[in-house]
Amino acid sequence: MGIVRRALNCRAKNLPQAIASIARITGGNFRLLHRLFVQIERILKINGLSVVTDDVVEAARSTHVIGI
């Protein structure tokens, strides 16, 4: 999860919304959190992105049946 760690360590202005979305979607469930981060990392890598945004989090959520 190196890409996600680097993306979350950046100082992007959209980061608080992304973190709030992650918390809302997973509800503190570590299994869901891990699955979501794996998918976020995949989306970042495929699209050549370096910042986790709310759109990236929502794209990751939409590929799994979580947080509906």
PDB file of N, CA and C in Angstrom:
ATOM      1  N   MET A   1       0.816  -1.191   0.000  1.00  0.00           N
ATOM      2  CA  MET A   1       0.000   0.000   0.000  1.00  0.00           C
ATOM      3  C   MET A   1       0.858   1.253   0.000  1.00  0.00           C
ATOM      4  N   GLY A   2       1.992   1.194  -0.647  1.00  0.00           N
ATOM      5  CA  GLY A   2       2.887   2.331  -0.686  1.00  0.00           C
ATOM      6  C   GLY A   2       2.306   3.532  -1.403  1.00  0.00           C
ATOM      7  N   ILE A   3       1.599   3.297  -2.489  1.00  0.00           N
ATOM      8  CA  ILE A   3       1.016   4.405  -3.247  1.00  0.00           C
ATOM      9  C   ILE A   3      -0.021   5.132  -2.410  1.00  0.00           C
ATOM     10  N   VAL A   4      -0.871   4.406  -1.738  1.00  0.00           N
ATOM     11  CA  VAL A   4      -1.898   5.027  -0.899  1.00  0.00           C
ATOM     12  C   VAL A   4      -1.238   5.795   0.240  1.00  0.00           C
ATOM     13  N   ARG A   5      -0.223   5.233   0.854  1.00  0.00           N
ATOM     14  CA  ARG A   5       0.470   5.909   1.948  1.00  0.00           C
ATOM     15  C   ARG A   5       1.058   7.227   1.473  1.00  0.00           C
ATOM     16  N   ARG A   6       1.713   7.221   0.307  1.00  0.00           N
ATOM     17  CA  ARG A   6       2.284   8.454  -0.226  1.00  0.00           C
ATOM     18  C   ARG A   6       1.203   9.452  -0.579  1.00  0.00           C
ATOM     19  N   ALA A   7       0.114   8.965  -1.162  1.00  0.00           N
ATOM     20  CA  ALA A   7      -0.974   9.857  -1.565  1.00  0.00           C
ATOM     21  C   ALA A   7      -1.659  10.482  -0.352  1.00  0.00           C
ATOM     22  N   LEU A   8      -1.801   9.714   0.727  1.00  0.00           N
ATOM     23  CA  LEU A   8      -2.433  10.244   1.928  1.00  0.00           C
ATOM     24  C   LEU A   8      -1.495  11.171   2.704  1.00  0.00           C
ATOM     25  N   ASN A   9      -0.191  11.053   2.502  1.00  0.00           N
ATOM     26  CA  ASN A   9       0.763  11.920   3.183  1.00  0.00           C
ATOM     27  C   ASN A   9       0.912  13.273   2.511  1.00  0.00           C
ATOM     28  N   CYS A  10       0.397  13.432   1.319  1.00  0.00           N
ATOM     29  CA  CYS A  10       0.527  14.704   0.618  1.00  0.00           C
ATOM     30  C   CYS A  10      -0.377  15.753   1.265  1.00  0.00           C
ATOM     31  N   ARG A  11      -0.223  16.979   0.867  1.00  0.00           N
ATOM     32  CA  ARG A  11      -0.992  18.079   1.446  1.00  0.00           C
ATOM     33  C   ARG A  11      -2.033  18.595   0.456  1.00  0.00           C
ATOM     34  N   ALA A  12      -2.752  17.721  -0.173  1.00  0.00           N
ATOM     35  CA  ALA A  12      -3.786  18.113  -1.125  1.00  0.00           C
ATOM     36  C   ALA A  12      -4.974  18.708  -0.395  1.00  0.00           C
ATOM     37  N   LYS A  13      -5.617  19.682  -1.026  1.00  0.00           N
ATOM     38  CA  LYS A  13      -6.746  20.331  -0.350  1.00  0.00           C
ATOM     39  C   LYS A  13      -7.994  19.447  -0.341  1.00  0.00           C
ATOM     40  N   ASN A  14      -8.055  18.441  -1.212  1.00  0.00           N
ATOM     41  CA  ASN A  14      -9.203  17.533  -1.248  1.00  0.00           C
ATOM     42  C   ASN A  14      -9.053  16.364  -0.279  1.00  0.00           C
ATOM     43  N   LEU A  15      -7.922  16.267   0.389  1.00  0.00           N
ATOM     44  CA  LEU A  15      -7.646  15.115   1.253  1.00  0.00           C
ATOM     45  C   LEU A  15      -8.648  14.960   2.397  1.00  0.00           C
ATOM     46  N   PRO A  16      -9.066  16.029   3.089  1.00  0.00           N
ATOM     47  CA  PRO A  16     -10.051  15.831   4.170  1.00  0.00           C
ATOM     48  C   PRO A  16     -11.363  15.204   3.693  1.00  0.00           C
ATOM     49  N   GLN A  17     -11.815  15.566   2.494  1.00  0.00           N
ATOM     50  CA  GLN A  17     -13.032  14.961   1.959  1.00  0.00           C
ATOM     51  C   GLN A  17     -12.809  13.494   1.636  1.00  0.00           C
ATOM     52  N   ALA A  18     -11.638  13.157   1.115  1.00  0.00           N
ATOM     53  CA  ALA A  18     -11.328  11.759   0.795  1.00  0.00           C
ATOM     54  C   ALA A  18     -11.277  10.921   2.069  1.00  0.00           C
ATOM     55  N   ILE A  19     -10.656  11.454   3.116  1.00  0.00           N
ATOM     56  CA  ILE A  19     -10.572  10.726   4.381  1.00  0.00           C
ATOM     57  C   ILE A  19     -11.960  10.551   4.996  1.00  0.00           C
ATOM     58  N   ALA A  20     -12.792  11.587   4.905  1.00  0.00           N
ATOM     59  CA  ALA A  20     -14.165  11.489   5.419  1.00  0.00           C
ATOM     60  C   ALA A  20     -14.949  10.429   4.654  1.00  0.00           C
ATOM     61  N   SER A  21     -14.755  10.347   3.345  1.00  0.00           N
ATOM     62  CA  SER A  21     -15.446   9.338   2.540  1.00  0.00           C
ATOM     63  C   SER A  21     -14.993   7.931   2.922  1.00  0.00           C
ATOM     64  N   ILE A  22     -13.690   7.773   3.140  1.00  0.00           N
ATOM     65  CA  ILE A  22     -13.167   6.466   3.539  1.00  0.00           C
ATOM     66  C   ILE A  22     -13.776   6.047   4.869  1.00  0.00           C
ATOM     67  N   ALA A  23     -13.821   6.963   5.819  1.00  0.00           N
ATOM     68  CA  ALA A  23     -14.395   6.654   7.135  1.00  0.00           C
ATOM     69  C   ALA A  23     -15.875   6.325   7.022  1.00  0.00           C
ATOM     70  N   ARG A  24     -16.606   7.078   6.199  1.00  0.00           N
ATOM     71  CA  ARG A  24     -18.048   6.852   6.024  1.00  0.00           C
ATOM     72  C   ARG A  24     -18.305   5.496   5.372  1.00  0.00           C
ATOM     73  N   ILE A  25     -17.552   5.169   4.352  1.00  0.00           N
ATOM     74  CA  ILE A  25     -17.768   3.929   3.599  1.00  0.00           C
ATOM     75  C   ILE A  25     -17.432   2.701   4.444  1.00  0.00           C
ATOM     76  N   THR A  26     -16.311   2.748   5.163  1.00  0.00           N
ATOM     77  CA  THR A  26     -15.860   1.554   5.888  1.00  0.00           C
ATOM     78  C   THR A  26     -16.473   1.442   7.272  1.00  0.00           C
ATOM     79  N   GLY A  27     -16.875   2.544   7.862  1.00  0.00           N
ATOM     80  CA  GLY A  27     -17.471   2.503   9.182  1.00  0.00           C
ATOM     81  C   GLY A  27     -16.562   1.879  10.238  1.00  0.00           C
ATOM     82  N   GLY A  28     -15.256   1.975  10.038  1.00  0.00           N
ATOM     83  CA  GLY A  28     -14.318   1.420  11.008  1.00  0.00           C
ATOM     84  C   GLY A  28     -14.031  -0.061  10.844  1.00  0.00           C
ATOM     85  N   ASN A  29     -14.601  -0.697   9.834  1.00  0.00           N
ATOM     86  CA  ASN A  29     -14.385  -2.120   9.592  1.00  0.00           C
ATOM     87  C   ASN A  29     -13.036  -2.300   8.895  1.00  0.00           C
ATOM     88  N   PHE A  30     -12.075  -2.916   9.588  1.00  0.00           N
ATOM     89  CA  PHE A  30     -10.724  -3.033   9.057  1.00  0.00           C
ATOM     90  C   PHE A  30     -10.650  -3.887   7.793  1.00  0.00           C
ATOM     91  N   ARG A  31     -11.497  -4.884   7.688  1.00  0.00           N
ATOM     92  CA  ARG A  31     -11.507  -5.705   6.476  1.00  0.00           C
ATOM     93  C   ARG A  31     -11.928  -4.868   5.272  1.00  0.00           C
ATOM     94  N   LEU A  32     -12.983  -4.077   5.438  1.00  0.00           N
ATOM     95  CA  LEU A  32     -13.427  -3.204   4.354  1.00  0.00           C
ATOM     96  C   LEU A  32     -12.393  -2.126   4.059  1.00  0.00           C
ATOM     97  N   LEU A  33     -11.755  -1.618   5.103  1.00  0.00           N
ATOM     98  CA  LEU A  33     -10.730  -0.599   4.933  1.00  0.00           C
ATOM     99  C   LEU A  33      -9.588  -1.140   4.083  1.00  0.00           C
ATOM    100  N   HIS A  34      -9.152  -2.352   4.373  1.00  0.00           N
ATOM    101  CA  HIS A  34      -8.076  -2.970   3.591  1.00  0.00           C
ATOM    102  C   HIS A  34      -8.508  -3.169   2.139  1.00  0.00           C
ATOM    103  N   ARG A  35      -9.699  -3.706   1.933  1.00  0.00           N
ATOM    104  CA  ARG A  35     -10.191  -3.922   0.562  1.00  0.00           C
ATOM    105  C   ARG A  35     -10.297  -2.608  -0.202  1.00  0.00           C
ATOM    106  N   LEU A  36     -10.770  -1.564   0.479  1.00  0.00           N
ATOM    107  CA  LEU A  36     -10.912  -0.267  -0.176  1.00  0.00           C
ATOM    108  C   LEU A  36      -9.543   0.313  -0.536  1.00  0.00           C
ATOM    109  N   PHE A  37      -8.562   0.211   0.384  1.00  0.00           N
ATOM    110  CA  PHE A  37      -7.234   0.733   0.094  1.00  0.00           C
ATOM    111  C   PHE A  37      -6.556  -0.020  -1.043  1.00  0.00           C
ATOM    112  N   VAL A  38      -6.754  -1.317  -1.111  1.00  0.00           N
ATOM    113  CA  VAL A  38      -6.193  -2.094  -2.227  1.00  0.00           C
ATOM    114  C   VAL A  38      -6.769  -1.592  -3.544  1.00  0.00           C
ATOM    115  N   GLN A  39      -8.066  -1.345  -3.568  1.00  0.00           N
ATOM    116  CA  GLN A  39      -8.708  -0.867  -4.789  1.00  0.00           C
ATOM    117  C   GLN A  39      -8.280   0.567  -5.106  1.00  0.00           C
ATOM    118  N   ILE A  40      -8.140   1.409  -4.091  1.00  0.00           N
ATOM    119  CA  ILE A  40      -7.669   2.783  -4.314  1.00  0.00           C
ATOM    120  C   ILE A  40      -6.275   2.757  -4.922  1.00  0.00           C
ATOM    121  N   GLU A  41      -5.408   1.914  -4.374  1.00  0.00           N
ATOM    122  CA  GLU A  41      -4.051   1.797  -4.907  1.00  0.00           C
ATOM    123  C   GLU A  41      -4.072   1.377  -6.377  1.00  0.00           C
ATOM    124  N   ARG A  42      -4.933   0.447  -6.689  1.00  0.00           N
ATOM    125  CA  ARG A  42      -5.067  -0.030  -8.077  1.00  0.00           C
ATOM    126  C   ARG A  42      -5.512   1.099  -9.000  1.00  0.00           C
ATOM    127  N   ILE A  43      -6.505   1.872  -8.561  1.00  0.00           N
ATOM    128  CA  ILE A  43      -7.019   2.980  -9.372  1.00  0.00           C
ATOM    129  C   ILE A  43      -5.953   4.054  -9.554  1.00  0.00           C
ATOM    130  N   LEU A  44      -5.213   4.369  -8.495  1.00  0.00           N
ATOM    131  CA  LEU A  44      -4.151   5.364  -8.602  1.00  0.00           C
ATOM    132  C   LEU A  44      -3.091   4.922  -9.602  1.00  0.00           C
ATOM    133  N   LYS A  45      -2.685   3.648  -9.506  1.00  0.00           N
ATOM    134  CA  LYS A  45      -1.651   3.133 -10.393  1.00  0.00           C
ATOM    135  C   LYS A  45      -2.113   3.113 -11.843  1.00  0.00           C
ATOM    136  N   ILE A  46      -3.318   2.621 -12.099  1.00  0.00           N
ATOM    137  CA  ILE A  46      -3.836   2.514 -13.466  1.00  0.00           C
ATOM    138  C   ILE A  46      -3.958   3.880 -14.122  1.00  0.00           C
ATOM    139  N   ASN A  47      -4.409   4.876 -13.354  1.00  0.00           N
ATOM    140  CA  ASN A  47      -4.650   6.202 -13.909  1.00  0.00           C
ATOM    141  C   ASN A  47      -3.469   7.149 -13.753  1.00  0.00           C
ATOM    142  N   GLY A  48      -2.380   6.683 -13.181  1.00  0.00           N
ATOM    143  CA  GLY A  48      -1.193   7.514 -13.032  1.00  0.00           C
ATOM    144  C   GLY A  48      -1.414   8.700 -12.101  1.00  0.00           C
ATOM    145  N   LEU A  49      -2.235   8.513 -11.080  1.00  0.00           N
ATOM    146  CA  LEU A  49      -2.538   9.588 -10.142  1.00  0.00           C
ATOM    147  C   LEU A  49      -1.628   9.496  -8.930  1.00  0.00           C
ATOM    148  N   SER A  50      -1.466  10.625  -8.241  1.00  0.00           N
ATOM    149  CA  SER A  50      -0.637  10.618  -7.040  1.00  0.00           C
ATOM    150  C   SER A  50      -1.371  11.140  -5.818  1.00  0.00           C
ATOM    151  N   VAL A  51      -2.630  11.545  -5.982  1.00  0.00           N
ATOM    152  CA  VAL A  51      -3.403  12.108  -4.876  1.00  0.00           C
ATOM    153  C   VAL A  51      -4.723  11.350  -4.750  1.00  0.00           C
ATOM    154  N   VAL A  52      -5.045  10.958  -3.529  1.00  0.00           N
ATOM    155  CA  VAL A  52      -6.333  10.319  -3.274  1.00  0.00           C
ATOM    156  C   VAL A  52      -7.383  11.414  -3.127  1.00  0.00           C
ATOM    157  N   THR A  53      -8.369  11.400  -4.009  1.00  0.00           N
ATOM    158  CA  THR A  53      -9.462  12.362  -3.951  1.00  0.00           C
ATOM    159  C   THR A  53     -10.758  11.625  -3.632  1.00  0.00           C
ATOM    160  N   ASP A  54     -11.798  12.394  -3.389  1.00  0.00           N
ATOM    161  CA  ASP A  54     -13.107  11.811  -3.131  1.00  0.00           C
ATOM    162  C   ASP A  54     -13.574  10.990  -4.335  1.00  0.00           C
ATOM    163  N   ASP A  55     -13.251  11.453  -5.539  1.00  0.00           N
ATOM    164  CA  ASP A  55     -13.640  10.715  -6.753  1.00  0.00           C
ATOM    165  C   ASP A  55     -12.943   9.358  -6.829  1.00  0.00           C
ATOM    166  N   VAL A  56     -11.686   9.311  -6.435  1.00  0.00           N
ATOM    167  CA  VAL A  56     -10.951   8.040  -6.437  1.00  0.00           C
ATOM    168  C   VAL A  56     -11.563   7.083  -5.425  1.00  0.00           C
ATOM    169  N   VAL A  57     -11.897   7.610  -4.242  1.00  0.00           N
ATOM    170  CA  VAL A  57     -12.507   6.781  -3.203  1.00  0.00           C
ATOM    171  C   VAL A  57     -13.857   6.248  -3.674  1.00  0.00           C
ATOM    172  N   GLU A  58     -14.663   7.101  -4.288  1.00  0.00           N
ATOM    173  CA  GLU A  58     -15.976   6.667  -4.783  1.00  0.00           C
ATOM    174  C   GLU A  58     -15.838   5.653  -5.912  1.00  0.00           C
ATOM    175  N   ALA A  59     -14.826   5.823  -6.761  1.00  0.00           N
ATOM    176  CA  ALA A  59     -14.585   4.841  -7.831  1.00  0.00           C
ATOM    177  C   ALA A  59     -14.213   3.492  -7.229  1.00  0.00           C
ATOM    178  N   ALA A  60     -13.382   3.509  -6.184  1.00  0.00           N
ATOM    179  CA  ALA A  60     -12.996   2.263  -5.512  1.00  0.00           C
ATOM    180  C   ALA A  60     -14.208   1.615  -4.867  1.00  0.00           C
ATOM    181  N   ARG A  61     -15.065   2.406  -4.232  1.00  0.00           N
ATOM    182  CA  ARG A  61     -16.260   1.881  -3.588  1.00  0.00           C
ATOM    183  C   ARG A  61     -17.202   1.265  -4.610  1.00  0.00           C
ATOM    184  N   SER A  62     -17.316   1.894  -5.762  1.00  0.00           N
ATOM    185  CA  SER A  62     -18.269   1.407  -6.764  1.00  0.00           C
ATOM    186  C   SER A  62     -17.874   0.048  -7.354  1.00  0.00           C
ATOM    187  N   THR A  63     -16.592  -0.323  -7.238  1.00  0.00           N
ATOM    188  CA  THR A  63     -16.169  -1.619  -7.760  1.00  0.00           C
ATOM    189  C   THR A  63     -16.434  -2.755  -6.791  1.00  0.00           C
ATOM    190  N   HIS A  64     -16.788  -2.417  -5.549  1.00  0.00           N
ATOM    191  CA  HIS A  64     -17.102  -3.408  -4.529  1.00  0.00           C
ATOM    192  C   HIS A  64     -18.525  -3.166  -4.022  1.00  0.00           C
ATOM    193  N   VAL A  65     -19.081  -4.179  -3.434  1.00  0.00           N
ATOM    194  CA  VAL A  65     -20.412  -4.043  -2.851  1.00  0.00           C
ATOM    195  C   VAL A  65     -20.215  -3.671  -1.380  1.00  0.00           C
ATOM    196  N   ILE A  66     -19.760  -2.438  -1.166  1.00  0.00           N
ATOM    197  CA  ILE A  66     -19.572  -1.927   0.189  1.00  0.00           C
ATOM    198  C   ILE A  66     -20.090  -0.508   0.260  1.00  0.00           C
ATOM    199  N   GLY A  67     -20.657  -0.158   1.356  1.00  0.00           N
ATOM    200  CA  GLY A  67     -21.099   1.203   1.576  1.00  0.00           C
ATOM    201  C   GLY A  67     -22.257   1.668   0.725  1.00  0.00           C
ATOM    202  N   ILE A  68     -23.115   0.749   0.333  1.00  0.00           N
ATOM    203  CA  ILE A  68     -24.249   1.137  -0.515  1.00  0.00           C
ATOM    204  C   ILE A  68     -25.410   1.545   0.339  1.00  0.00           C
TER     205      ILE A  68
END
